């Protein structure tokens, strides 16, 4: 005995609900702020603070620029990026790893949606018993 139209509608709706639940579990990883990346890199030892002589030179240049400006009351600024060796390279590495993880998550989402479509096709055009079995396997599928 094949499914009635209302049964097929419910079955399709159930497949969509299961797929939606599984896709929601697969959230993209969010990128971290530069401050978090810098702290993480310094803590792990992947990046280091600039040596003292280079730091002194940057401060001296900043003071020289400030003295030549409109007002001698401003000490000038030093960009923290300049005080950390290898920050740009480390930041690119962290972001590349994050993008690779997000690509894997996206592939998993695509596989979930493809499986949902396969089950729907089986329910509409094939054996409903096989479709029920496929749905049960889909519900049990780990993401």
C-alpha atoms as a PDB file:
ATOM      1  CA  UNK A   1       0.000   0.000   0.000  1.00  0.00           C
ATOM      2  CA  UNK A   2       1.518   3.289  -1.036  1.00  0.00           C
ATOM      3  CA  UNK A   3       1.448   6.514   0.950  1.00  0.00           C
ATOM      4  CA  UNK A   4      -1.440   8.898   0.540  1.00  0.00           C
ATOM      5  CA  UNK A   5      -0.794  12.522  -0.457  1.00  0.00           C
ATOM      6  CA  UNK A   6      -1.102  13.785   3.163  1.00  0.00           C
ATOM      7  CA  UNK A   7       1.262  11.030   4.313  1.00  0.00           C
ATOM      8  CA  UNK A   8       3.782  11.968   1.648  1.00  0.00           C
ATOM      9  CA  UNK A   9       3.541  15.639   2.644  1.00  0.00           C
ATOM     10  CA  UNK A  10       4.150  14.749   6.280  1.00  0.00           C
ATOM     11  CA  UNK A  11       7.004  12.425   5.350  1.00  0.00           C
ATOM     12  CA  UNK A  12       8.690  15.137   3.285  1.00  0.00           C
ATOM     13  CA  UNK A  13       8.158  17.654   6.098  1.00  0.00           C
ATOM     14  CA  UNK A  14       9.749  15.193   8.547  1.00  0.00           C
ATOM     15  CA  UNK A  15      12.783  14.746   6.295  1.00  0.00           C
ATOM     16  CA  UNK A  16      13.170  18.541   6.079  1.00  0.00           C
ATOM     17  CA  UNK A  17      12.971  18.843   9.879  1.00  0.00           C
ATOM     18  CA  UNK A  18      15.665  16.217  10.428  1.00  0.00           C
ATOM     19  CA  UNK A  19      17.913  17.778   7.787  1.00  0.00           C
ATOM     20  CA  UNK A  20      17.382  21.225   9.284  1.00  0.00           C
ATOM     21  CA  UNK A  21      18.320  19.996  12.771  1.00  0.00           C
ATOM     22  CA  UNK A  22      21.495  18.415  11.472  1.00  0.00           C
ATOM     23  CA  UNK A  23      22.498  21.484   9.451  1.00  0.00           C
ATOM     24  CA  UNK A  24      21.923  23.782  12.462  1.00  0.00           C
ATOM     25  CA  UNK A  25      24.446  21.738  14.441  1.00  0.00           C
ATOM     26  CA  UNK A  26      27.070  22.534  11.812  1.00  0.00           C
ATOM     27  CA  UNK A  27      27.717  26.214  12.462  1.00  0.00           C
ATOM     28  CA  UNK A  28      30.643  27.943  10.752  1.00  0.00           C
ATOM     29  CA  UNK A  29      33.547  28.830  13.010  1.00  0.00           C
ATOM     30  CA  UNK A  30      33.794  32.563  13.469  1.00  0.00           C
ATOM     31  CA  UNK A  31      37.074  34.357  12.944  1.00  0.00           C
ATOM     32  CA  UNK A  32      38.784  35.805  15.989  1.00  0.00           C
ATOM     33  CA  UNK A  33      39.740  39.409  16.526  1.00  0.00           C
ATOM     34  CA  UNK A  34      43.332  40.455  15.968  1.00  0.00           C
ATOM     35  CA  UNK A  35      43.760  40.851  19.750  1.00  0.00           C
ATOM     36  CA  UNK A  36      42.684  37.266  20.403  1.00  0.00           C
ATOM     37  CA  UNK A  37      44.911  35.962  17.605  1.00  0.00           C
ATOM     38  CA  UNK A  38      47.888  37.930  18.988  1.00  0.00           C
ATOM     39  CA  UNK A  39      47.313  36.698  22.559  1.00  0.00           C
ATOM     40  CA  UNK A  40      46.918  33.129  21.323  1.00  0.00           C
ATOM     41  CA  UNK A  41      50.098  33.327  19.235  1.00  0.00           C
ATOM     42  CA  UNK A  42      52.149  34.889  22.034  1.00  0.00           C
ATOM     43  CA  UNK A  43      50.907  32.302  24.531  1.00  0.00           C
ATOM     44  CA  UNK A  44      51.688  29.383  22.194  1.00  0.00           C
ATOM     45  CA  UNK A  45      55.081  30.826  21.257  1.00  0.00           C
ATOM     46  CA  UNK A  46      54.222  30.964  17.544  1.00  0.00           C
ATOM     47  CA  UNK A  47      54.930  34.706  17.573  1.00  0.00           C
ATOM     48  CA  UNK A  48      57.175  36.808  19.839  1.00  0.00           C
ATOM     49  CA  UNK A  49      57.562  40.351  20.998  1.00  0.00           C
ATOM     50  CA  UNK A  50      59.988  42.472  18.996  1.00  0.00           C
ATOM     51  CA  UNK A  51      63.463  42.746  20.540  1.00  0.00           C
ATOM     52  CA  UNK A  52      64.229  45.749  22.727  1.00  0.00           C
ATOM     53  CA  UNK A  53      66.483  47.573  20.221  1.00  0.00           C
ATOM     54  CA  UNK A  54      63.856  47.442  17.474  1.00  0.00           C
ATOM     55  CA  UNK A  55      61.183  48.602  19.935  1.00  0.00           C
ATOM     56  CA  UNK A  56      63.373  51.537  21.077  1.00  0.00           C
ATOM     57  CA  UNK A  57      63.975  52.503  17.439  1.00  0.00           C
ATOM     58  CA  UNK A  58      60.216  52.536  16.683  1.00  0.00           C
ATOM     59  CA  UNK A  59      59.517  54.704  19.734  1.00  0.00           C
ATOM     60  CA  UNK A  60      62.288  57.129  18.752  1.00  0.00           C
ATOM     61  CA  UNK A  61      60.851  57.457  15.227  1.00  0.00           C
ATOM     62  CA  UNK A  62      57.385  58.065  16.658  1.00  0.00           C
ATOM     63  CA  UNK A  63      58.733  60.784  18.943  1.00  0.00           C
ATOM     64  CA  UNK A  64      60.593  62.396  16.015  1.00  0.00           C
ATOM     65  CA  UNK A  65      57.405  62.439  13.894  1.00  0.00           C
ATOM     66  CA  UNK A  66      55.425  63.937  16.777  1.00  0.00           C
ATOM     67  CA  UNK A  67      58.036  66.663  17.360  1.00  0.00           C
ATOM     68  CA  UNK A  68      57.913  67.654  13.671  1.00  0.00           C
ATOM     69  CA  UNK A  69      54.107  67.846  13.704  1.00  0.00           C
ATOM     70  CA  UNK A  70      51.807  70.747  14.543  1.00  0.00           C
ATOM     71  CA  UNK A  71      52.134  70.366  18.260  1.00  0.00           C
ATOM     72  CA  UNK A  72      54.968  69.120  20.432  1.00  0.00           C
ATOM     73  CA  UNK A  73      52.525  67.965  23.115  1.00  0.00           C
ATOM     74  CA  UNK A  74      51.628  64.697  21.367  1.00  0.00           C
ATOM     75  CA  UNK A  75      54.001  61.776  21.936  1.00  0.00           C
ATOM     76  CA  UNK A  76      52.849  60.020  18.789  1.00  0.00           C
ATOM     77  CA  UNK A  77      51.823  56.393  18.488  1.00  0.00           C
ATOM     78  CA  UNK A  78      53.396  53.021  17.898  1.00  0.00           C
ATOM     79  CA  UNK A  79      51.341  50.325  16.201  1.00  0.00           C
ATOM     80  CA  UNK A  80      51.238  47.208  18.380  1.00  0.00           C
ATOM     81  CA  UNK A  81      51.506  45.120  15.188  1.00  0.00           C
ATOM     82  CA  UNK A  82      55.036  46.481  14.828  1.00  0.00           C
ATOM     83  CA  UNK A  83      55.928  45.220  18.306  1.00  0.00           C
ATOM     84  CA  UNK A  84      55.069  41.599  17.538  1.00  0.00           C
ATOM     85  CA  UNK A  85      57.342  39.556  15.265  1.00  0.00           C
ATOM     86  CA  UNK A  86      55.503  37.393  12.712  1.00  0.00           C
ATOM     87  CA  UNK A  87      51.963  38.524  13.515  1.00  0.00           C
ATOM     88  CA  UNK A  88      50.808  38.892   9.892  1.00  0.00           C
ATOM     89  CA  UNK A  89      52.090  35.437   8.933  1.00  0.00           C
ATOM     90  CA  UNK A  90      50.501  33.860  12.019  1.00  0.00           C
ATOM     91  CA  UNK A  91      47.192  35.665  11.400  1.00  0.00           C
ATOM     92  CA  UNK A  92      47.087  34.372   7.800  1.00  0.00           C
ATOM     93  CA  UNK A  93      47.803  30.841   9.042  1.00  0.00           C
ATOM     94  CA  UNK A  94      45.009  31.008  11.646  1.00  0.00           C
ATOM     95  CA  UNK A  95      42.530  32.367   9.097  1.00  0.00           C
ATOM     96  CA  UNK A  96      43.530  29.726   6.523  1.00  0.00           C
ATOM     97  CA  UNK A  97      42.958  26.947   9.078  1.00  0.00           C
ATOM     98  CA  UNK A  98      39.587  28.469   9.947  1.00  0.00           C
ATOM     99  CA  UNK A  99      38.600  28.642   6.274  1.00  0.00           C
ATOM    100  CA  UNK A 100      39.587  24.986   5.801  1.00  0.00           C
ATOM    101  CA  UNK A 101      37.445  23.956   8.787  1.00  0.00           C
ATOM    102  CA  UNK A 102      34.508  25.963   7.437  1.00  0.00           C
ATOM    103  CA  UNK A 103      34.915  24.283   4.033  1.00  0.00           C
ATOM    104  CA  UNK A 104      34.637  20.876   5.729  1.00  0.00           C
ATOM    105  CA  UNK A 105      31.511  22.023   7.580  1.00  0.00           C
ATOM    106  CA  UNK A 106      30.027  23.246   4.311  1.00  0.00           C
ATOM    107  CA  UNK A 107      30.727  19.868   2.684  1.00  0.00           C
ATOM    108  CA  UNK A 108      28.952  18.095   5.551  1.00  0.00           C
ATOM    109  CA  UNK A 109      25.932  20.377   5.113  1.00  0.00           C
ATOM    110  CA  UNK A 110      25.851  19.570   1.419  1.00  0.00           C
ATOM    111  CA  UNK A 111      25.970  15.815   2.139  1.00  0.00           C
ATOM    112  CA  UNK A 112      23.058  16.161   4.570  1.00  0.00           C
ATOM    113  CA  UNK A 113      20.977  17.997   1.979  1.00  0.00           C
ATOM    114  CA  UNK A 114      21.867  15.458  -0.713  1.00  0.00           C
ATOM    115  CA  UNK A 115      20.816  12.588   1.549  1.00  0.00           C
ATOM    116  CA  UNK A 116      17.530  14.359   2.352  1.00  0.00           C
ATOM    117  CA  UNK A 117      16.838  14.735  -1.371  1.00  0.00           C
ATOM    118  CA  UNK A 118      17.654  11.066  -1.970  1.00  0.00           C
ATOM    119  CA  UNK A 119      15.156  10.023   0.724  1.00  0.00           C
ATOM    120  CA  UNK A 120      12.486  12.344  -0.694  1.00  0.00           C
ATOM    121  CA  UNK A 121      12.995  10.849  -4.152  1.00  0.00           C
ATOM    122  CA  UNK A 122      12.632   7.361  -2.716  1.00  0.00           C
ATOM    123  CA  UNK A 123       9.443   8.363  -0.889  1.00  0.00           C
ATOM    124  CA  UNK A 124       7.910   9.929  -3.981  1.00  0.00           C
ATOM    125  CA  UNK A 125       9.013   7.483  -6.684  1.00  0.00           C
ATOM    126  CA  UNK A 126      10.156   4.291  -4.980  1.00  0.00           C
ATOM    127  CA  UNK A 127       9.224   1.920  -2.218  1.00  0.00           C
ATOM    128  CA  UNK A 128       7.825   3.615   0.875  1.00  0.00           C
ATOM    129  CA  UNK A 129       9.255   0.827   3.055  1.00  0.00           C
ATOM    130  CA  UNK A 130      12.767   1.654   1.799  1.00  0.00           C
ATOM    131  CA  UNK A 131      12.033   5.349   2.342  1.00  0.00           C
ATOM    132  CA  UNK A 132      11.048   4.665   5.972  1.00  0.00           C
ATOM    133  CA  UNK A 133      14.251   2.718   6.513  1.00  0.00           C
ATOM    134  CA  UNK A 134      16.283   5.490   4.898  1.00  0.00           C
ATOM    135  CA  UNK A 135      14.623   8.081   7.133  1.00  0.00           C
ATOM    136  CA  UNK A 136      15.424   6.027  10.244  1.00  0.00           C
ATOM    137  CA  UNK A 137      19.067   5.770   9.155  1.00  0.00           C
ATOM    138  CA  UNK A 138      19.084   9.504   8.422  1.00  0.00           C
ATOM    139  CA  UNK A 139      17.771  10.302  11.916  1.00  0.00           C
ATOM    140  CA  UNK A 140      20.547   8.146  13.443  1.00  0.00           C
ATOM    141  CA  UNK A 141      23.263   9.605  11.192  1.00  0.00           C
ATOM    142  CA  UNK A 142      25.974  11.448  13.131  1.00  0.00           C
ATOM    143  CA  UNK A 143      27.066  14.889  11.966  1.00  0.00           C
END
